[in-house]
């Protein structure tokens, strides 16, 4: 009778070699997986912008092609309640929601369409997060575009807090009045307009419902209020990231999305030389 064959076992050195190889492979693959995940999130962020653009286009079919009013205090809602462009898209079901009543004022419930998956910045309110803003338009008393706000939707002569939904103080552009849709900003990423440490951009809130060019550009290099999700340096937060590395996503009137720099957006306007005059830039619906 033959003796039972001994089962071979890994030696300690062989085990260490195998473990080292596995650790090396993990070290090689993890950064690649992280980059792939981030790329997918950046793509999702741009895709949501395009979805918002499509919802806006459907809204415009019922609104004589005007862009929704992006920030107004409405007496028809009573008290200090607010109505913003995302409320109008939600009220009519254009974005897949069906809002009514109190839901039109500071919506407390998140809605994934309005949140970039990379938007994890601290917020000062617990309401539903809104990553994006509509390009702001402001008119002077003569109905001319003010130099710092030549966008698509907003107000006339700063008359924001005492107007109704149908007030003549509101200002909005029709799609056919945009001279160059492929080169005119419609929506962009927006963190805040008055806070340095946290975001106040939430669904249904007037503040930060619009995206303003002078907060995406400053000769002082103040980047504390910007979204830094797509900074070329790969930083998660814009604080401390050089301004030239800041590249948020922008949706243009014709529906395409660009990951553009501040310099790209101010090109062709006096703002490039250090002023707040954005006429002739990609923020200007009259084109350049």
Protein backbone atom coordinates (compact mmCIF):
# COMPACT_ATOMS: atom_id res chain seq x y z
CA UNK A 1 0.00 0.00 0.00
CA UNK A 2 1.45 3.27 -1.09
CA UNK A 3 1.70 6.06 1.44
CA UNK A 4 -0.70 8.95 0.90
CA UNK A 5 0.83 11.73 -1.19
CA UNK A 6 1.56 14.84 0.76
CA UNK A 7 -0.40 17.91 -0.34
CA UNK A 8 1.89 20.66 -1.48
CA UNK A 9 1.42 24.04 0.24
CA UNK A 10 2.56 27.54 -0.55
CA UNK A 11 5.68 28.56 1.19
CA UNK A 12 5.76 31.82 3.12
CA UNK A 13 7.85 33.42 0.39
CA UNK A 14 5.36 32.39 -2.29
CA UNK A 15 2.48 33.82 -0.26
CA UNK A 16 4.32 37.10 0.17
CA UNK A 17 5.00 37.26 -3.56
CA UNK A 18 1.33 36.66 -4.38
CA UNK A 19 0.21 39.27 -1.85
CA UNK A 20 2.72 41.75 -3.24
CA UNK A 21 1.48 41.19 -6.78
CA UNK A 22 -2.15 41.65 -5.69
CA UNK A 23 -1.26 44.84 -3.82
CA UNK A 24 0.61 46.14 -6.87
CA UNK A 25 -2.35 45.43 -9.14
CA UNK A 26 -4.70 47.18 -6.72
CA UNK A 27 -2.37 50.16 -6.60
CA UNK A 28 -2.38 50.33 -10.40
CA UNK A 29 -6.12 49.79 -10.89
CA UNK A 30 -7.59 51.96 -8.12
CA UNK A 31 -6.48 55.32 -9.58
CA UNK A 32 -7.78 54.27 -12.99
CA UNK A 33 -11.11 53.24 -11.48
CA UNK A 34 -11.27 56.52 -9.57
CA UNK A 35 -10.61 58.49 -12.73
CA UNK A 36 -13.24 56.51 -14.62
CA UNK A 37 -15.78 57.13 -11.84
CA UNK A 38 -15.02 60.85 -11.82
CA UNK A 39 -15.28 61.03 -15.61
CA UNK A 40 -18.69 59.34 -15.41
CA UNK A 41 -19.82 61.85 -12.77
CA UNK A 42 -18.62 64.80 -14.85
CA UNK A 43 -20.52 63.36 -17.83
CA UNK A 44 -23.63 62.92 -15.68
CA UNK A 45 -23.34 66.53 -14.54
CA UNK A 46 -23.33 67.73 -18.15
CA UNK A 47 -26.13 65.33 -19.11
CA UNK A 48 -28.37 66.79 -16.40
CA UNK A 49 -27.74 70.24 -17.80
CA UNK A 50 -28.91 69.02 -21.18
CA UNK A 51 -32.03 67.52 -19.58
CA UNK A 52 -32.79 70.86 -17.94
CA UNK A 53 -32.36 72.49 -21.35
CA UNK A 54 -34.88 70.09 -22.89
CA UNK A 55 -37.36 70.73 -20.05
CA UNK A 56 -36.93 74.46 -20.63
CA UNK A 57 -37.56 74.02 -24.35
CA UNK A 58 -40.86 72.26 -23.64
CA UNK A 59 -41.80 75.03 -21.20
CA UNK A 60 -41.07 77.59 -23.91
CA UNK A 61 -43.52 75.89 -26.24
CA UNK A 62 -46.25 76.95 -23.80
CA UNK A 63 -44.73 80.33 -22.92
CA UNK A 64 -44.43 82.00 -26.32
CA UNK A 65 -40.76 80.84 -26.41
CA UNK A 66 -39.72 82.98 -23.41
CA UNK A 67 -37.26 81.68 -20.84
CA UNK A 68 -38.81 81.09 -17.39
CA UNK A 69 -38.47 83.94 -14.94
CA UNK A 70 -35.64 82.84 -12.77
CA UNK A 71 -36.24 84.70 -9.52
CA UNK A 72 -39.30 86.58 -8.33
CA UNK A 73 -41.23 87.25 -5.16
CA UNK A 74 -44.87 86.69 -6.02
CA UNK A 75 -47.82 88.21 -4.17
CA UNK A 76 -50.02 85.51 -5.67
CA UNK A 77 -48.19 83.02 -3.48
CA UNK A 78 -48.56 85.24 -0.43
CA UNK A 79 -46.13 86.56 2.17
CA UNK A 80 -42.45 86.13 1.52
CA UNK A 81 -42.75 83.07 -0.66
CA UNK A 82 -40.55 82.87 -3.72
CA UNK A 83 -40.91 81.53 -7.23
CA UNK A 84 -37.92 80.62 -9.36
CA UNK A 85 -37.26 79.19 -12.81
CA UNK A 86 -37.00 75.63 -11.46
CA UNK A 87 -40.37 76.09 -9.74
CA UNK A 88 -41.93 77.03 -13.08
CA UNK A 89 -40.45 73.92 -14.70
CA UNK A 90 -41.76 71.81 -11.80
CA UNK A 91 -45.18 73.47 -11.60
CA UNK A 92 -45.99 72.62 -15.19
CA UNK A 93 -44.49 69.14 -15.04
CA UNK A 94 -41.82 70.05 -17.58
CA UNK A 95 -39.04 68.59 -15.45
CA UNK A 96 -41.02 65.51 -14.41
CA UNK A 97 -42.41 66.98 -11.19
CA UNK A 98 -45.88 68.31 -10.45
CA UNK A 99 -45.41 71.03 -7.85
CA UNK A 100 -48.15 73.04 -6.24
CA UNK A 101 -48.92 75.18 -3.21
CA UNK A 102 -46.21 75.28 -0.59
CA UNK A 103 -43.94 73.10 -2.72
CA UNK A 104 -43.22 76.18 -4.83
CA UNK A 105 -41.49 77.85 -1.91
CA UNK A 106 -38.07 76.50 -0.87
CA UNK A 107 -38.70 72.90 -1.93
CA UNK A 108 -37.50 70.74 0.95
CA UNK A 109 -37.21 67.59 -1.11
CA UNK A 110 -34.18 66.89 -3.32
CA UNK A 111 -34.70 66.19 -7.00
CA UNK A 112 -31.79 64.42 -8.74
CA UNK A 113 -32.16 66.36 -12.01
CA UNK A 114 -30.91 69.54 -10.37
CA UNK A 115 -27.96 68.06 -8.51
CA UNK A 116 -24.59 67.34 -10.07
CA UNK A 117 -23.26 64.09 -8.52
CA UNK A 118 -20.02 65.92 -7.73
CA UNK A 119 -21.79 68.70 -5.85
CA UNK A 120 -20.99 67.86 -2.24
CA UNK A 121 -20.27 71.39 -1.05
CA UNK A 122 -21.59 72.37 2.39
CA UNK A 123 -24.98 74.10 2.35
CA UNK A 124 -26.45 76.68 4.68
CA UNK A 125 -29.96 75.31 4.17
CA UNK A 126 -31.26 71.76 4.26
CA UNK A 127 -33.48 72.15 1.22
CA UNK A 128 -33.16 70.25 -2.04
CA UNK A 129 -29.78 70.98 -3.60
CA UNK A 130 -29.67 72.92 -6.88
CA UNK A 131 -26.30 72.88 -8.62
CA UNK A 132 -27.27 75.01 -11.62
CA UNK A 133 -28.36 78.56 -12.41
CA UNK A 134 -29.97 80.36 -15.36
CA UNK A 135 -28.00 83.09 -17.12
CA UNK A 136 -29.06 86.39 -15.58
CA UNK A 137 -30.56 89.32 -17.50
CA UNK A 138 -31.17 92.79 -16.07
CA UNK A 139 -32.59 95.75 -17.97
CA UNK A 140 -32.21 99.46 -17.21
CA UNK A 141 -35.13 101.91 -17.15
CA UNK A 142 -34.93 102.24 -20.94
CA UNK A 143 -35.12 98.49 -21.49
CA UNK A 144 -31.44 98.11 -22.41
CA UNK A 145 -29.27 95.26 -21.18
CA UNK A 146 -27.19 96.31 -18.21
CA UNK A 147 -23.52 95.74 -18.91
CA UNK A 148 -22.98 93.24 -16.11
CA UNK A 149 -26.16 91.17 -16.74
CA UNK A 150 -26.77 90.65 -20.50
CA UNK A 151 -28.19 87.11 -20.19
CA UNK A 152 -31.60 85.49 -20.66
CA UNK A 153 -33.92 85.98 -17.68
CA UNK A 154 -34.16 88.24 -14.66
CA UNK A 155 -35.55 91.68 -13.85
CA UNK A 156 -35.82 95.30 -14.88
CA UNK A 157 -33.85 97.91 -12.93
CA UNK A 158 -33.32 95.75 -9.83
CA UNK A 159 -37.08 95.58 -9.13
CA UNK A 160 -37.09 92.10 -7.58
CA UNK A 161 -38.81 92.21 -4.21
CA UNK A 162 -42.14 93.91 -5.02
CA UNK A 163 -43.35 92.26 -8.21
CA UNK A 164 -45.91 89.67 -9.25
CA UNK A 165 -45.54 86.84 -11.71
CA UNK A 166 -46.90 88.96 -14.56
CA UNK A 167 -45.14 92.16 -13.56
CA UNK A 168 -43.66 94.31 -16.35
CA UNK A 169 -40.57 94.54 -14.14
CA UNK A 170 -39.68 90.99 -15.06
CA UNK A 171 -37.33 90.50 -17.99
CA UNK A 172 -37.03 87.44 -20.19
CA UNK A 173 -35.66 86.71 -23.65
CA UNK A 174 -37.37 84.69 -26.37
CA UNK A 175 -35.31 81.97 -28.04
CA UNK A 176 -35.63 83.62 -31.45
CA UNK A 177 -34.14 86.82 -30.00
CA UNK A 178 -30.87 85.05 -29.24
CA UNK A 179 -28.58 85.89 -32.15
CA UNK A 180 -26.09 83.04 -31.79
CA UNK A 181 -27.49 80.08 -29.87
CA UNK A 182 -24.36 77.94 -30.23
CA UNK A 183 -22.28 80.62 -28.54
CA UNK A 184 -24.69 82.01 -25.90
CA UNK A 185 -24.80 80.69 -22.36
CA UNK A 186 -28.17 79.47 -21.04
CA UNK A 187 -27.38 77.59 -17.82
CA UNK A 188 -24.24 77.04 -15.79
CA UNK A 189 -23.02 75.60 -12.54
CA UNK A 190 -23.50 77.92 -9.63
CA UNK A 191 -22.51 77.57 -6.00
CA UNK A 192 -23.57 80.82 -4.44
CA UNK A 193 -23.57 84.56 -5.01
CA UNK A 194 -23.02 85.91 -1.52
CA UNK A 195 -21.42 83.21 0.62
CA UNK A 196 -17.79 82.21 0.67
CA UNK A 197 -17.82 79.12 2.87
CA UNK A 198 -21.02 77.31 1.84
CA UNK A 199 -23.65 77.12 -0.88
CA UNK A 200 -27.10 78.67 -0.63
CA UNK A 201 -28.20 77.39 -4.04
CA UNK A 202 -31.29 75.29 -3.24
CA UNK A 203 -34.49 74.48 -5.10
CA UNK A 204 -37.06 77.26 -5.04
CA UNK A 205 -34.75 79.83 -3.47
CA UNK A 206 -34.27 83.24 -5.06
CA UNK A 207 -30.64 83.56 -4.06
CA UNK A 208 -28.28 81.76 -6.43
CA UNK A 209 -31.10 80.79 -8.81
CA UNK A 210 -29.21 82.68 -11.49
CA UNK A 211 -25.64 82.39 -12.67
CA UNK A 212 -23.83 85.72 -12.87
CA UNK A 213 -20.72 86.42 -14.94
CA UNK A 214 -18.92 88.62 -12.44
CA UNK A 215 -18.97 85.77 -9.93
CA UNK A 216 -17.26 83.55 -12.49
CA UNK A 217 -14.55 86.10 -13.07
CA UNK A 218 -12.61 88.48 -10.87
CA UNK A 219 -9.32 90.25 -11.27
CA UNK A 220 -8.78 89.76 -7.53
CA UNK A 221 -8.56 86.01 -8.00
CA UNK A 222 -11.32 85.30 -5.48
CA UNK A 223 -12.48 81.77 -6.29
CA UNK A 224 -14.17 80.98 -2.97
CA UNK A 225 -17.69 81.18 -4.42
CA UNK A 226 -17.11 78.97 -7.45
CA UNK A 227 -17.86 75.32 -8.02
CA UNK A 228 -14.60 73.46 -8.44
CA UNK A 229 -15.90 70.10 -9.52
CA UNK A 230 -14.09 70.20 -12.82
CA UNK A 231 -10.89 72.00 -11.94
CA UNK A 232 -8.06 70.70 -14.08
CA UNK A 233 -6.00 70.19 -10.93
CA UNK A 234 -8.53 67.57 -9.83
CA UNK A 235 -9.32 69.31 -6.55
CA UNK A 236 -12.80 68.58 -5.17
CA UNK A 237 -13.37 72.11 -3.93
CA UNK A 238 -12.52 75.35 -5.66
CA UNK A 239 -11.03 76.96 -2.56
CA UNK A 240 -7.33 77.34 -3.18
CA UNK A 241 -7.53 76.21 -6.80
CA UNK A 242 -6.00 78.71 -9.25
CA UNK A 243 -8.68 80.54 -11.21
CA UNK A 244 -7.22 79.50 -14.56
CA UNK A 245 -7.85 75.84 -13.58
CA UNK A 246 -11.55 76.40 -12.97
CA UNK A 247 -13.68 74.85 -15.72
CA UNK A 248 -17.39 74.46 -14.88
CA UNK A 249 -19.97 72.99 -17.23
CA UNK A 250 -22.09 75.39 -19.26
CA UNK A 251 -25.23 74.67 -21.29
CA UNK A 252 -25.67 76.84 -24.38
CA UNK A 253 -28.91 77.94 -26.00
CA UNK A 254 -28.60 75.41 -28.82
CA UNK A 255 -28.45 72.56 -26.28
CA UNK A 256 -24.76 71.62 -26.27
CA UNK A 257 -22.63 71.52 -23.11
CA UNK A 258 -19.09 72.81 -22.77
CA UNK A 259 -16.54 72.51 -20.00
CA UNK A 260 -15.22 76.06 -20.38
CA UNK A 261 -12.79 78.32 -18.54
CA UNK A 262 -13.46 81.84 -17.34
CA UNK A 263 -11.26 83.14 -20.14
CA UNK A 264 -13.34 81.22 -22.69
CA UNK A 265 -16.52 82.84 -21.40
CA UNK A 266 -15.22 86.42 -21.29
CA UNK A 267 -13.45 86.31 -24.66
CA UNK A 268 -14.53 89.11 -26.99
CA UNK A 269 -15.90 91.36 -24.24
CA UNK A 270 -14.49 94.31 -22.29
CA UNK A 271 -14.49 92.04 -19.23
CA UNK A 272 -11.37 90.37 -20.60
CA UNK A 273 -9.50 93.61 -19.97
CA UNK A 274 -10.71 93.99 -16.39
CA UNK A 275 -14.21 95.53 -16.40
CA UNK A 276 -17.69 94.25 -15.59
CA UNK A 277 -18.92 94.94 -19.13
CA UNK A 278 -19.98 91.56 -20.50
CA UNK A 279 -21.50 92.83 -23.74
CA UNK A 280 -20.04 90.85 -26.61
CA UNK A 281 -19.17 87.84 -24.46
CA UNK A 282 -20.73 84.40 -24.45
CA UNK A 283 -22.98 85.62 -21.64
CA UNK A 284 -24.60 88.15 -24.00
CA UNK A 285 -27.74 86.97 -25.83
CA UNK A 286 -27.16 89.61 -28.49
CA UNK A 287 -24.03 87.73 -29.50
CA UNK A 288 -20.62 88.94 -30.58
